[in-house]
Amino acid sequence: MNSGQNSHALPPTYSPAEVASALDCSEWWVKEQARRRRIPFMRSGSGYRFTRDHVAEIFQILEERPDKANASPGNVATTRRRTRVTSQEPVVQLRARRPRRARNAA
């Protein structure tokens, strides 16, 4: 088939290894994500194949944007503080148990 001459040519497909090198990850990771149906793919007789649209969608899925709350410079992140719970019941101190191996040996 002459690529580029026929207007009805099939779109090029990429192997998991090619997608992995574009994503800078392992081929195993790409195959595992496809197997778990977390990324778009096409299955052919030779395994998983990816079109240009699939790869663009994978990049979009993996893209992370900053939170809108943290985007404004006036917003300062607050640290989490422990709240003291006041109750009438006495506080029980927890103690670690001896490892099972040590308990069975005695």
C-alpha atoms as a PDB file:
ATOM      1  CA  MET A   1       0.000   0.000   0.000  1.00  0.00           C
ATOM      2  CA  ASN A   2       1.421   3.398  -0.916  1.00  0.00           C
ATOM      3  CA  SER A   3       1.321   5.617   2.125  1.00  0.00           C
ATOM      4  CA  GLY A   4       0.477   9.236   1.417  1.00  0.00           C
ATOM      5  CA  GLN A   5      -0.804   8.668  -2.127  1.00  0.00           C
ATOM      6  CA  ASN A   6      -4.139   7.102  -1.278  1.00  0.00           C
ATOM      7  CA  SER A   7      -6.646   9.453   0.380  1.00  0.00           C
ATOM      8  CA  HIS A   8      -8.316   6.454   2.060  1.00  0.00           C
ATOM      9  CA  ALA A   9      -5.135   5.197   3.688  1.00  0.00           C
ATOM     10  CA  LEU A  10      -5.442   3.745   7.159  1.00  0.00           C
ATOM     11  CA  PRO A  11      -4.108   5.845  10.027  1.00  0.00           C
ATOM     12  CA  PRO A  12      -0.711   4.786  11.332  1.00  0.00           C
ATOM     13  CA  THR A  13      -0.723   2.737  14.514  1.00  0.00           C
ATOM     14  CA  TYR A  14       1.894   2.622  17.226  1.00  0.00           C
ATOM     15  CA  SER A  15       3.162  -0.275  19.292  1.00  0.00           C
ATOM     16  CA  PRO A  16       3.203  -0.254  23.100  1.00  0.00           C
ATOM     17  CA  ALA A  17       6.982   0.220  22.944  1.00  0.00           C
ATOM     18  CA  GLU A  18       6.621   3.373  20.828  1.00  0.00           C
ATOM     19  CA  VAL A  19       3.935   4.777  23.131  1.00  0.00           C
ATOM     20  CA  ALA A  20       6.075   3.923  26.165  1.00  0.00           C
ATOM     21  CA  SER A  21       9.049   5.821  24.762  1.00  0.00           C
ATOM     22  CA  ALA A  22       6.801   8.852  24.068  1.00  0.00           C
ATOM     23  CA  LEU A  23       5.458   8.708  27.638  1.00  0.00           C
ATOM     24  CA  ASP A  24       8.883   7.947  29.125  1.00  0.00           C
ATOM     25  CA  CYS A  25       7.611   4.835  30.895  1.00  0.00           C
ATOM     26  CA  SER A  26       7.933   1.086  30.500  1.00  0.00           C
ATOM     27  CA  GLU A  27       6.266  -0.977  27.823  1.00  0.00           C
ATOM     28  CA  TRP A  28       4.841  -3.175  30.582  1.00  0.00           C
ATOM     29  CA  TRP A  29       3.058  -0.165  32.125  1.00  0.00           C
ATOM     30  CA  VAL A  30       1.408   0.733  28.803  1.00  0.00           C
ATOM     31  CA  LYS A  31       0.227  -2.851  28.273  1.00  0.00           C
ATOM     32  CA  GLU A  32      -1.030  -3.106  31.859  1.00  0.00           C
ATOM     33  CA  GLN A  33      -3.021   0.147  31.583  1.00  0.00           C
ATOM     34  CA  ALA A  34      -4.552  -1.071  28.315  1.00  0.00           C
ATOM     35  CA  ARG A  35      -5.348  -4.460  29.835  1.00  0.00           C
ATOM     36  CA  ARG A  36      -7.113  -2.759  32.756  1.00  0.00           C
ATOM     37  CA  ARG A  37      -8.940  -0.493  30.278  1.00  0.00           C
ATOM     38  CA  ARG A  38      -7.522   2.704  31.775  1.00  0.00           C
ATOM     39  CA  ILE A  39      -6.216   4.033  28.461  1.00  0.00           C
ATOM     40  CA  PRO A  40      -7.731   3.819  24.959  1.00  0.00           C
ATOM     41  CA  PHE A  41      -6.311   1.215  22.599  1.00  0.00           C
ATOM     42  CA  MET A  42      -7.107  -0.997  19.666  1.00  0.00           C
ATOM     43  CA  ARG A  43      -6.563  -4.735  19.780  1.00  0.00           C
ATOM     44  CA  SER A  44      -5.242  -6.440  16.702  1.00  0.00           C
ATOM     45  CA  GLY A  45      -3.855  -9.877  16.019  1.00  0.00           C
ATOM     46  CA  SER A  46      -0.432  -8.739  17.168  1.00  0.00           C
ATOM     47  CA  GLY A  47      -1.588  -7.283  20.487  1.00  0.00           C
ATOM     48  CA  TYR A  48      -2.293  -3.727  21.571  1.00  0.00           C
ATOM     49  CA  ARG A  49      -2.045  -0.946  18.998  1.00  0.00           C
ATOM     50  CA  PHE A  50      -2.538   2.790  19.430  1.00  0.00           C
ATOM     51  CA  THR A  51      -3.593   5.455  16.934  1.00  0.00           C
ATOM     52  CA  ARG A  52      -2.510   9.081  17.023  1.00  0.00           C
ATOM     53  CA  ASP A  53      -5.869   9.976  18.624  1.00  0.00           C
ATOM     54  CA  HIS A  54      -5.369   7.304  21.291  1.00  0.00           C
ATOM     55  CA  VAL A  55      -1.940   8.690  22.186  1.00  0.00           C
ATOM     56  CA  ALA A  56      -3.311  12.252  22.356  1.00  0.00           C
ATOM     57  CA  GLU A  57      -6.100  11.051  24.678  1.00  0.00           C
ATOM     58  CA  ILE A  58      -3.600   9.182  26.861  1.00  0.00           C
ATOM     59  CA  PHE A  59      -1.591  12.394  27.245  1.00  0.00           C
ATOM     60  CA  GLN A  60      -4.805  14.186  28.202  1.00  0.00           C
ATOM     61  CA  ILE A  61      -5.705  11.494  30.766  1.00  0.00           C
ATOM     62  CA  LEU A  62      -2.268  11.693  32.377  1.00  0.00           C
ATOM     63  CA  GLU A  63      -2.128  15.491  32.392  1.00  0.00           C
ATOM     64  CA  GLU A  64      -2.408  17.146  35.797  1.00  0.00           C
ATOM     65  CA  ARG A  65      -3.542  20.720  36.250  1.00  0.00           C
ATOM     66  CA  PRO A  66      -2.976  22.886  39.323  1.00  0.00           C
ATOM     67  CA  ASP A  67      -5.892  23.237  41.701  1.00  0.00           C
ATOM     68  CA  LYS A  68      -7.899  26.404  41.242  1.00  0.00           C
ATOM     69  CA  ALA A  69      -7.729  26.990  44.994  1.00  0.00           C
ATOM     70  CA  ASN A  70      -3.926  26.962  44.905  1.00  0.00           C
ATOM     71  CA  ALA A  71      -3.620  28.935  41.653  1.00  0.00           C
ATOM     72  CA  SER A  72      -4.258  32.387  43.108  1.00  0.00           C
ATOM     73  CA  PRO A  73      -1.217  33.989  44.802  1.00  0.00           C
ATOM     74  CA  GLY A  74      -3.303  35.376  47.690  1.00  0.00           C
ATOM     75  CA  ASN A  75      -4.316  31.890  48.817  1.00  0.00           C
ATOM     76  CA  VAL A  76      -1.923  30.487  51.375  1.00  0.00           C
ATOM     77  CA  ALA A  77      -2.216  26.809  52.164  1.00  0.00           C
ATOM     78  CA  THR A  78      -3.164  26.225  55.755  1.00  0.00           C
ATOM     79  CA  THR A  79      -1.670  23.443  57.786  1.00  0.00           C
ATOM     80  CA  ARG A  80      -3.914  20.873  59.320  1.00  0.00           C
ATOM     81  CA  ARG A  81      -4.245  21.093  63.057  1.00  0.00           C
ATOM     82  CA  ARG A  82      -5.409  18.483  65.469  1.00  0.00           C
ATOM     83  CA  THR A  83      -8.607  19.305  67.203  1.00  0.00           C
ATOM     84  CA  ARG A  84      -8.858  18.296  70.791  1.00  0.00           C
ATOM     85  CA  VAL A  85     -11.893  16.152  71.450  1.00  0.00           C
ATOM     86  CA  THR A  86     -13.317  16.659  74.861  1.00  0.00           C
ATOM     87  CA  SER A  87     -15.154  13.658  76.203  1.00  0.00           C
ATOM     88  CA  GLN A  88     -16.056  12.325  79.592  1.00  0.00           C
ATOM     89  CA  GLU A  89     -14.483   8.905  78.973  1.00  0.00           C
ATOM     90  CA  PRO A  90     -10.928   8.239  80.159  1.00  0.00           C
ATOM     91  CA  VAL A  91      -8.228   8.028  77.494  1.00  0.00           C
ATOM     92  CA  VAL A  92      -6.702   4.574  77.067  1.00  0.00           C
ATOM     93  CA  GLN A  93      -3.064   4.391  76.068  1.00  0.00           C
ATOM     94  CA  LEU A  94      -2.382   1.831  73.347  1.00  0.00           C
ATOM     95  CA  ARG A  95       0.534  -0.538  73.682  1.00  0.00           C
ATOM     96  CA  ALA A  96       2.192  -2.446  70.882  1.00  0.00           C
ATOM     97  CA  ARG A  97       1.872  -6.218  70.952  1.00  0.00           C
ATOM     98  CA  ARG A  98       4.875  -8.467  70.748  1.00  0.00           C
ATOM     99  CA  PRO A  99       5.447  -9.909  67.274  1.00  0.00           C
ATOM    100  CA  ARG A 100       3.645 -13.196  66.635  1.00  0.00           C
ATOM    101  CA  ARG A 101       6.963 -14.949  66.117  1.00  0.00           C
ATOM    102  CA  ALA A 102       8.111 -13.949  69.605  1.00  0.00           C
ATOM    103  CA  ARG A 103       4.774 -14.899  71.187  1.00  0.00           C
ATOM    104  CA  ASN A 104       4.785 -18.384  69.646  1.00  0.00           C
ATOM    105  CA  ALA A 105       8.362 -19.081  70.668  1.00  0.00           C
ATOM    106  CA  ALA A 106       7.682 -18.516  74.359  1.00  0.00           C
END
